[in-house]
Every structure is written in C-alpha cells, then in structure tokens.
Protein backbone atom coordinates (compact mmCIF):
# COMPACT_ATOMS: atom_id res chain seq x y z
CA MET A 1 154.25 55.97 36.24
CA LYS A 2 155.33 58.73 38.54
CA GLN A 3 152.13 60.64 38.03
CA VAL A 4 149.96 57.53 38.68
CA SER A 5 151.79 56.63 41.82
CA SER A 6 151.61 60.16 43.15
CA SER A 7 147.84 60.31 42.57
CA TRP A 8 147.38 57.09 44.46
CA CYS A 9 149.31 58.64 47.33
CA VAL A 10 147.17 61.77 47.35
CA ARG A 11 143.79 59.89 47.36
CA PRO A 12 144.13 58.30 50.81
CA LEU A 13 145.10 61.65 52.21
CA LEU A 14 141.96 63.28 50.70
CA TRP A 15 139.71 60.50 52.03
CA THR A 16 141.26 60.93 55.52
CA MET A 17 140.60 64.70 55.44
CA LEU A 18 137.00 64.18 54.31
CA ALA A 19 136.38 61.65 57.04
CA PHE A 20 137.78 64.10 59.65
CA MET A 21 135.82 67.12 58.36
CA ALA A 22 132.41 65.37 57.99
CA PRO A 23 131.39 65.36 61.74
CA VAL A 24 132.66 68.96 62.07
CA SER A 25 130.56 70.07 59.11
CA TRP A 26 127.50 68.23 60.53
CA ALA A 27 127.80 69.99 63.87
CA ALA A 28 128.30 73.39 62.26
CA HIS A 29 125.43 72.91 59.78
CA PRO A 30 122.71 70.63 61.21
CA PRO A 31 120.40 68.79 58.83
CA LEU A 32 117.47 70.72 57.34
CA PHE A 33 114.92 68.01 58.11
CA PRO A 34 113.21 68.34 61.57
CA THR A 35 114.57 66.55 64.64
CA THR A 36 112.02 65.10 67.08
CA VAL A 37 111.97 66.25 70.70
CA ALA A 38 112.46 62.71 71.89
CA ASN A 39 115.78 62.54 70.04
CA HIS A 40 116.99 65.83 71.55
CA PRO A 41 118.00 65.16 75.15
CA THR A 42 118.21 68.81 76.21
CA ILE A 43 114.74 69.76 75.06
CA ALA A 44 113.25 66.59 76.36
CA ALA A 45 114.70 67.21 79.81
CA GLN A 46 113.37 70.75 79.85
CA GLN A 47 109.87 69.65 78.95
CA THR A 48 109.76 66.86 81.54
CA THR A 49 110.99 68.97 84.42
CA PRO A 50 108.38 68.87 87.27
CA GLN A 51 108.46 72.66 87.72
CA ASN A 52 107.79 73.27 83.99
CA ALA A 53 105.11 70.59 83.97
CA ALA A 54 103.35 72.25 86.86
CA LYS A 55 103.42 75.57 85.11
CA ALA A 56 102.06 74.04 81.98
CA GLY A 57 99.20 72.49 83.91
CA ASP A 58 98.47 75.69 85.78
CA SER A 59 98.10 77.87 82.63
CA GLY A 60 94.54 76.83 81.77
CA GLY A 61 92.42 77.89 84.79
CA ALA A 62 91.88 80.91 86.95
CA GLN A 63 95.15 82.22 88.31
CA VAL A 64 96.38 84.63 90.93
CA VAL A 65 99.98 85.72 90.75
CA MET A 66 101.97 86.78 93.82
CA LYS A 67 104.35 89.40 92.60
CA ALA A 68 105.80 92.71 93.88
CA MET A 69 104.38 92.03 97.37
CA SER A 70 100.79 91.89 96.10
CA PHE A 71 98.15 89.44 94.81
CA GLN A 72 97.39 90.12 91.15
CA PRO A 73 94.50 90.55 90.52
CA ALA A 74 93.31 91.89 93.90
CA ALA A 75 89.78 90.60 93.17
CA LEU A 76 89.13 87.61 90.95
CA ASN A 77 85.68 86.50 89.77
CA VAL A 78 85.43 82.70 89.81
CA ARG A 79 82.58 80.19 89.81
CA ALA A 80 81.86 77.81 92.68
CA GLY A 81 83.82 74.59 92.20
CA GLU A 82 86.36 76.24 89.92
CA THR A 83 90.06 75.62 90.71
CA VAL A 84 92.18 78.68 91.36
CA VAL A 85 95.98 78.44 91.04
CA PHE A 86 98.19 80.72 93.10
CA ARG A 87 101.63 81.17 91.58
CA ASN A 88 104.50 82.79 93.47
CA GLU A 89 106.57 84.91 91.08
CA ASP A 90 107.95 87.08 93.87
CA ILE A 91 111.35 86.84 95.53
CA PHE A 92 109.81 86.15 98.93
CA ALA A 93 107.78 83.23 100.28
CA HIS A 94 104.03 83.98 100.72
CA THR A 95 100.95 82.26 102.04
CA VAL A 96 97.35 82.23 100.94
CA THR A 97 95.39 82.46 104.18
CA ALA A 98 91.64 82.96 104.42
CA ASP A 99 90.54 85.81 106.63
CA ASP A 100 87.98 83.52 108.27
CA GLY A 101 90.61 80.78 108.88
CA SER A 102 88.96 78.28 106.53
CA PHE A 103 92.19 77.50 104.69
CA ASP A 104 95.91 78.23 104.79
CA SER A 105 98.40 77.24 102.07
CA GLY A 106 101.45 77.44 104.25
CA LEU A 107 104.60 79.06 102.87
CA ILE A 108 104.70 79.01 99.06
CA GLN A 109 108.32 79.43 98.02
CA PRO A 110 109.33 81.51 94.98
CA GLY A 111 108.63 79.56 91.78
CA GLU A 112 106.06 77.25 93.43
CA SER A 113 102.29 77.19 93.11
CA TRP A 114 99.25 76.11 95.13
CA LYS A 115 95.65 75.31 94.20
CA ILE A 116 92.30 75.68 95.87
CA THR A 117 88.75 74.92 94.75
CA MET A 118 86.38 77.87 95.13
CA PRO A 119 83.61 76.96 97.67
CA LYS A 120 80.12 78.14 97.23
CA THR A 121 80.26 81.57 98.92
CA ALA A 122 79.62 85.04 97.76
CA SER A 123 83.11 86.32 98.55
CA LEU A 124 86.22 84.81 100.10
CA ALA A 125 88.79 87.30 101.43
CA TYR A 126 92.36 86.15 101.99
CA HIS A 127 95.77 87.55 102.86
CA CYS A 128 99.45 86.66 103.21
CA ARG A 129 100.19 85.66 106.77
CA PRO A 130 103.80 86.94 106.86
CA HIS A 131 102.87 90.09 104.87
CA PRO A 132 99.37 91.11 106.14
CA ASN A 133 99.26 94.13 103.86
CA MET A 134 98.89 91.72 100.93
CA LYS A 135 95.09 91.29 100.69
CA ALA A 136 92.78 90.10 97.97
CA LYS A 137 89.51 88.18 97.49
CA LEU A 138 87.75 85.63 95.35
CA VAL A 139 84.27 86.60 94.23
CA GLU A 140 81.74 83.98 93.21
CA GLN A 141 79.86 84.62 89.97
CA ALA A 142 77.30 82.68 87.95
CA GLU A 143 78.93 83.26 84.57
CA PRO A 144 82.59 83.10 83.55
CA ALA A 145 84.37 86.36 84.17
CA SER A 146 85.27 88.39 81.12
CA ALA A 147 88.84 89.44 80.55
CA GLY A 148 87.88 93.07 80.69
CA LYS A 149 86.34 92.72 84.19
CA GLN A 150 89.39 90.85 85.47
CA ALA A 151 91.72 93.42 84.05
CA ALA A 152 89.71 96.23 85.56
CA SER A 153 89.89 94.63 89.00
CA GLN A 154 93.68 95.00 89.03
CA GLY A 155 94.56 98.22 90.74
CA LEU A 156 96.43 99.73 93.63
CA PRO A 157 95.73 98.04 96.96
CA GLY A 158 93.59 100.06 99.29
CA PHE A 159 94.66 101.16 102.79
CA ASN A 160 93.24 99.21 105.69
CA PRO A 161 94.19 100.16 109.29
CA PRO A 162 95.93 97.37 111.25
CA SER A 163 93.55 95.19 113.25
CA LYS A 164 95.65 92.12 114.14
CA PRO A 165 98.92 91.64 116.05
CA GLN A 166 100.78 90.46 112.95
CA GLU A 167 99.80 93.75 111.31
CA PHE A 168 100.93 95.98 114.18
CA HIS A 169 104.14 94.06 114.82
CA PRO A 170 106.08 94.73 111.54
CA ILE A 171 105.28 98.45 111.69
CA LEU A 172 106.64 98.84 115.25
CA VAL A 173 109.68 96.58 114.53
CA ASN A 174 110.67 98.52 111.44
CA PHE A 175 110.32 101.79 113.25
CA THR A 176 112.52 100.73 116.12
CA ALA A 177 115.04 98.94 113.93
CA ALA A 178 115.58 102.10 111.92
CA LEU A 179 115.95 104.59 114.83
CA LEU A 180 118.82 102.94 116.75
CA PRO A 181 121.21 102.51 113.81
CA LEU A 182 120.46 106.05 112.65
CA ALA A 183 121.08 107.45 116.10
CA PHE A 184 124.41 105.53 116.28
CA LEU A 185 125.44 106.88 112.85
CA SER A 186 124.40 110.42 113.82
CA ASP A 187 126.49 110.27 116.99
CA LEU A 188 129.51 109.04 115.04
CA LEU A 189 129.21 111.76 112.44
CA GLY A 190 128.59 114.38 115.16
CA ARG A 191 131.75 113.31 116.99
CA PHE A 192 133.80 113.21 113.78
CA PHE A 193 132.65 116.54 112.34
CA LYS A 194 132.16 118.14 115.78
CA ARG A 195 128.53 119.08 115.00
CA ALA A 196 126.33 119.40 118.03
CA SER A 197 123.19 119.26 115.91
CA LEU A 198 123.95 115.71 114.82
CA ASN A 199 124.48 114.63 118.45
CA ASN A 200 121.21 116.34 119.47
CA ALA A 201 119.35 114.46 116.74
CA ALA A 202 120.86 111.15 117.91
CA ALA A 203 119.75 111.76 121.52
CA TRP A 204 116.16 112.33 120.42
CA MET A 205 116.19 109.24 118.17
CA VAL A 206 117.38 107.04 121.06
CA LEU A 207 114.64 108.48 123.24
CA TYR A 208 111.98 107.75 120.59
CA ALA A 209 113.33 104.17 120.16
CA ALA A 210 113.15 103.55 123.92
CA ALA A 211 109.56 104.84 124.00
CA ILE A 212 108.41 102.67 121.12
CA THR A 213 110.30 99.48 122.00
CA PRO A 214 108.00 98.36 124.88
CA LEU A 215 105.06 98.54 122.49
CA THR A 216 107.12 96.48 120.00
CA GLY A 217 107.74 93.85 122.65
CA ILE A 218 104.07 93.64 123.59
CA ALA A 219 103.02 93.33 119.92
CA GLY A 220 105.69 90.62 119.44
CA TRP A 221 104.40 88.49 122.31
CA TRP A 222 100.80 89.02 121.08
CA TRP A 223 101.86 88.04 117.55
CA LYS A 224 103.66 84.92 118.87
CA SER A 225 100.63 83.84 120.93
CA THR A 226 98.35 83.91 117.87
CA LEU A 227 100.74 82.24 115.44
CA HIS A 228 102.74 79.97 117.75
CA GLY A 229 101.62 76.84 115.87
CA SER A 230 103.16 78.02 112.53
CA LEU A 231 106.41 79.43 113.93
CA PRO A 232 109.61 77.35 114.31
CA PRO A 233 110.02 76.94 118.13
CA GLU A 234 113.85 76.96 118.04
CA ILE A 235 113.88 80.34 116.28
CA ILE A 236 110.96 82.11 118.01
CA ALA A 237 112.39 81.28 121.46
CA VAL A 238 115.60 83.17 120.74
CA HIS A 239 113.72 85.90 118.88
CA GLN A 240 111.27 86.66 121.69
CA TRP A 241 113.77 86.72 124.53
CA LEU A 242 116.25 88.76 122.53
CA GLY A 243 113.46 91.23 121.73
CA THR A 244 112.49 91.48 125.38
CA ALA A 245 116.06 92.10 126.35
CA MET A 246 116.27 94.84 123.72
CA VAL A 247 113.43 96.68 125.47
CA LEU A 248 115.53 96.97 128.65
CA VAL A 249 118.71 97.75 126.77
CA LEU A 250 117.16 100.60 124.82
CA ILE A 251 115.62 102.12 127.95
CA ALA A 252 119.05 101.99 129.63
CA LEU A 253 120.70 103.47 126.53
CA ALA A 254 118.20 106.31 126.44
CA ALA A 255 118.86 107.19 130.11
CA TRP A 256 122.63 107.02 129.54
CA ARG A 257 122.40 109.13 126.37
CA TRP A 258 120.37 111.88 128.02
CA LYS A 259 122.87 112.18 130.88
CA ILE A 260 125.51 112.82 128.26
CA GLN A 261 123.15 115.21 126.45
CA LYS A 262 122.61 117.31 129.58
CA ARG A 263 126.34 117.84 129.93
CA GLY A 264 126.40 119.20 126.37
CA LYS A 265 129.08 116.82 125.18
CA ALA A 266 129.41 114.23 122.45
CA PRO A 267 129.13 110.62 123.63
CA GLY A 268 132.36 108.82 124.46
CA ALA A 269 133.86 105.62 123.21
CA SER A 270 132.25 103.46 125.92
CA TYR A 271 128.71 104.56 124.98
CA LEU A 272 129.42 104.12 121.26
CA ILE A 273 130.76 100.59 121.79
CA VAL A 274 127.70 99.53 123.78
CA THR A 275 125.38 101.11 121.19
CA ALA A 276 127.27 99.26 118.39
CA ILE A 277 126.74 95.95 120.20
CA ALA A 278 123.02 96.75 120.59
CA VAL A 279 122.80 97.53 116.83
CA LEU A 280 124.45 94.15 116.03
CA ALA A 281 121.99 92.38 118.35
CA LEU A 282 119.12 94.19 116.61
CA ILE A 283 120.44 93.04 113.22
CA TYR A 284 120.70 89.44 114.45
CA GLN A 285 117.13 89.60 115.78
CA GLY A 286 115.96 90.93 112.41
CA SER A 287 117.68 88.03 110.65
CA LEU A 288 115.74 85.55 112.87
CA GLY A 289 112.52 87.37 112.07
CA GLY A 290 113.35 87.17 108.39
CA LEU A 291 113.75 83.36 108.63
CA MET A 292 110.31 83.05 110.16
CA VAL A 293 108.59 85.50 107.74
CA PHE A 294 110.26 84.76 104.43
CA GLY A 295 111.40 81.21 104.98
CA LYS A 296 114.86 79.83 104.18
C-alpha cells in the first residue's frame, strides 16, 4: 500500500513538470512542418512595409542607382516610354534634374526612389542639382539594351569644366573654408612651438582667403538668384548675409595679419580670438549650406 500511494503522489508531479516543459520545448524546437507568412507577424510586417514594397516594385525595370556621389550607370540605354527608377543608396539627398530643365525630381532622401518615363528623344542629360559634378544621361534605343552594354557604360565620370553658378560656388566655398581654419591652426602652432615658418604660412593663407572670398560671395549671390525658388528662404537669408559679412571680415583680418607679419612677430591673443570667432562663423555658415544642399 505504501508503494501504491507513493506512485500516485509522484504522477501528479510528473504531469505538472511535463505541462511546464512543453511550451519551452516548443519554443526551443519549432515544428518541422512549414509555417505560413500570414501566421508569422514579424515576417508579414517586413513584407508589407511601404519601403520594402517600393523596392520590390522597382526591381523589374530600368534602374539608376545614386551611390558614392555618382549616378550608376552614367549612361543608360532605354526605350521611349520605358519607366526608369532612380534609387538613392547614398548617404546624401540627391536630385534628378534635366540639363534642359524639362524635369526635376526634387530632393530624393537616402533610401527613397523616384520614377520617370523616358520621352521620345535621342538623349536626355541630367545632373544632381546640389552636386553638379554628378552627371549622367538616358539614351534612347530601338531595342532593349543588353546587360553587357549597360555594364560597359559604367565607368569613371569624365571631367567637365564648371559652366553654371552652382558649379563654381562649391569650389570657391570649399577653398575659402579650408584656408582660414588652417591659417588659424598654423598661427597657434607657430606661437606654441615658436616657429616663424608656421606664422609666415598662416599670413599667406589669410591673404589667399581674403583674395578668394569676394569671388565666393559673387558666386553665392549668382547661385542664389538662379535657384531661389528651390531654396528655403529662412535659411538662405541668413546664409547670404553671413557670407557677405565674411568677405569684409576676411579682408580686415588679412590687413591686420600683414601688419603683424611686417613687424616679424607672432600674432597676439586679440588677433587669435577674433580669428577663432571668424572660424566659428564660417562653420555655422557651412552648416546652413549643408541644410540646403543635403536636406535635413
């Protein structure tokens, strides 16, 4: 009787343990038969995401990928009436803008895409408005393009001299924006290490910056006049007046710096403080330009 009663006591304990371990075993070892996507909430959500749905729909036709600050391929053979999908896989926002002004996609943010139907024209050149060195073209053809021809069209972009204000402007801005911080750093190092050569280099860099900055201001106003409709007014207003003020500030700094240079001394604290403020203003102006070029 003792054995029977003890076995009856053990059985409920075993059934309780089995009931507890069953869901754990199910989770650790899922069933071998297939589970439908509809019954799997995670997979279903991934496949119905609008971004993934757009990519799935874009994978069938002609495509141009914006990546590494370039259109890939640089020349794409398409038929008239064919839809071309532009996908932005870069880290910056880009536009697809016709050279003849016939279309403009607006800013295409990273991860987004834009479509256009190829009109009946022999060739259609386009570029990125914020990054004018990004250039490519669509070429009409009677027959579908072979994969070999499309692959062969991908190559290094050719050099084209600037011809528009938005092409001149970034070159001059980058040149000026690099000279002033380098001159400030060179003066600091020359003062710290007592090296006259570093201070001499700084004086020349400030002079070059002052000579280039008026051209930068002119190119900026020209650029603004041609693209005023697509630039945010609250940002461009601060950007243009700050840039104009920087023209006068750099000319004044160059005159001040060369007075110090003629005395054969390193610049004092007052000059370095004013230059540091000018560098911060230049950085702020660059951030405003970045908002307009790359988007938020």
